[in-house]
Amino acid sequence: MSIGSLDGLSAYARAARATNPLSDTGQRSGGLAPSGGLAPSGGGFGSMVESMVSQTGDALRGAEAQSIKQIGGKGDLIDVVTAIGAAETALDTVVAVRDRVVSAYSDIMKMQI
């Protein structure tokens, strides 16, 4: 496995920890079960990606709404810049995760069986 794949796996693990915080028992949901199989999780990778895309869309719509307020003379320029910066950061994060997933998939496909 290349370093790029490990970086992708690390990014996925950090994102999974961010979306699935510690439960009341102190154990994480998802991941490997003690027997070596997959433990049941509340959502998984697909729901994490869906949530990220939804949040990014919300940030973009918020930035657009702030821009429209500013054009109408009702908004504050600082709010517009802040909303656009948040939307840009969210979009950059989604693109980075996508790039890592594609890279990890490519590395997996290159592995010999």
Protein backbone atom coordinates (compact mmCIF):
# COMPACT_ATOMS: atom_id res chain seq x y z
CA MET A 1 0.00 0.00 0.00
CA SER A 2 1.40 3.38 -0.90
CA ILE A 3 1.66 6.38 1.36
CA GLY A 4 -1.15 8.05 -0.60
CA SER A 5 -3.50 5.21 0.26
CA LEU A 6 -2.59 5.46 3.92
CA ASP A 7 -3.24 9.21 3.81
CA GLY A 8 -6.64 8.51 2.26
CA LEU A 9 -7.46 5.96 4.95
CA SER A 10 -6.33 8.37 7.64
CA ALA A 11 -8.51 11.13 6.19
CA TYR A 12 -11.46 8.74 6.09
CA ALA A 13 -10.86 7.71 9.71
CA ARG A 14 -10.71 11.36 10.84
CA ALA A 15 -13.91 12.15 8.96
CA ALA A 16 -15.62 9.08 10.41
CA ARG A 17 -14.59 10.10 13.93
CA ALA A 18 -15.97 13.58 13.30
CA THR A 19 -19.35 12.26 12.19
CA ASN A 20 -19.56 9.36 14.70
CA PRO A 21 -18.38 10.70 18.07
CA LEU A 22 -17.81 8.42 21.03
CA SER A 23 -20.98 6.81 22.27
CA ASP A 24 -22.05 6.78 25.92
CA THR A 25 -20.18 3.51 26.47
CA GLY A 26 -16.93 5.00 25.22
CA GLN A 27 -16.81 2.86 22.09
CA ARG A 28 -17.08 4.07 18.56
CA SER A 29 -19.86 2.98 16.29
CA GLY A 30 -18.68 1.29 13.11
CA GLY A 31 -15.20 0.01 12.40
CA LEU A 32 -13.88 -3.46 13.07
CA ALA A 33 -15.55 -5.70 15.60
CA PRO A 34 -13.34 -7.66 18.04
CA SER A 35 -13.97 -10.82 16.00
CA GLY A 36 -12.40 -9.18 12.95
CA GLY A 37 -15.66 -8.56 11.11
CA LEU A 38 -17.31 -5.25 10.51
CA ALA A 39 -19.24 -3.84 13.44
CA PRO A 40 -22.66 -2.40 12.74
CA SER A 41 -22.55 1.32 12.27
CA GLY A 42 -25.12 4.04 12.31
CA GLY A 43 -24.40 5.30 8.83
CA GLY A 44 -21.20 4.39 7.12
CA PHE A 45 -19.19 6.05 4.41
CA GLY A 46 -22.14 6.67 2.10
CA SER A 47 -24.11 8.58 4.71
CA MET A 48 -20.99 10.54 5.66
CA VAL A 49 -20.49 11.62 2.04
CA GLU A 50 -24.19 12.41 1.69
CA SER A 51 -24.02 14.56 4.82
CA MET A 52 -20.91 16.38 3.60
CA VAL A 53 -22.50 17.13 0.23
CA SER A 54 -25.67 18.33 1.93
CA GLN A 55 -23.74 20.61 4.29
CA THR A 56 -21.70 21.96 1.39
CA GLY A 57 -24.87 22.71 -0.56
CA ASP A 58 -26.31 24.49 2.46
CA ALA A 59 -23.13 26.57 2.80
CA LEU A 60 -23.24 27.50 -0.89
CA ARG A 61 -26.92 28.46 -0.66
CA GLY A 62 -26.16 30.54 2.45
CA ALA A 63 -23.36 32.37 0.65
CA GLU A 64 -25.66 33.01 -2.28
CA ALA A 65 -28.37 34.36 0.04
CA GLN A 66 -25.87 36.69 1.73
CA SER A 67 -24.71 37.93 -1.68
CA ILE A 68 -28.29 38.64 -2.73
CA LYS A 69 -28.89 40.58 0.52
CA GLN A 70 -25.74 42.62 -0.14
CA ILE A 71 -26.82 43.40 -3.69
CA GLY A 72 -30.20 44.53 -2.36
CA GLY A 73 -28.48 46.82 0.12
CA LYS A 74 -29.66 44.88 3.17
CA GLY A 75 -26.60 42.76 3.88
CA ASP A 76 -23.24 43.39 5.46
CA LEU A 77 -20.10 42.90 3.38
CA ILE A 78 -18.37 41.08 6.23
CA ASP A 79 -21.21 38.54 6.39
CA VAL A 80 -20.93 37.99 2.63
CA VAL A 81 -17.18 37.41 2.78
CA THR A 82 -17.55 35.09 5.78
CA ALA A 83 -20.29 33.05 4.09
CA ILE A 84 -18.31 32.78 0.84
CA GLY A 85 -15.20 31.71 2.77
CA ALA A 86 -17.15 29.03 4.64
CA ALA A 87 -18.68 27.76 1.39
CA GLU A 88 -15.28 27.69 -0.30
CA THR A 89 -13.76 25.75 2.60
CA ALA A 90 -16.62 23.24 2.57
CA LEU A 91 -16.30 22.74 -1.18
CA ASP A 92 -12.51 22.33 -0.94
CA THR A 93 -13.02 19.68 1.75
CA VAL A 94 -15.48 17.71 -0.39
CA VAL A 95 -13.13 17.88 -3.38
CA ALA A 96 -10.17 16.73 -1.24
CA VAL A 97 -12.13 13.76 0.14
CA ARG A 98 -13.25 12.86 -3.38
CA ASP A 99 -9.65 13.00 -4.63
CA ARG A 100 -8.45 10.78 -1.77
CA VAL A 101 -11.21 8.24 -2.37
CA VAL A 102 -10.41 8.08 -6.08
CA SER A 103 -6.70 7.73 -5.30
CA ALA A 104 -7.32 4.97 -2.75
CA TYR A 105 -9.62 3.15 -5.17
CA SER A 106 -6.97 3.41 -7.88
CA ASP A 107 -4.33 1.99 -5.52
CA ILE A 108 -6.63 -0.88 -4.55
CA MET A 109 -7.29 -1.69 -8.19
CA LYS A 110 -3.53 -1.83 -8.86
CA MET A 111 -2.94 -4.40 -6.09
CA GLN A 112 -2.09 -7.91 -7.11
CA ILE A 113 -4.32 -10.67 -5.87
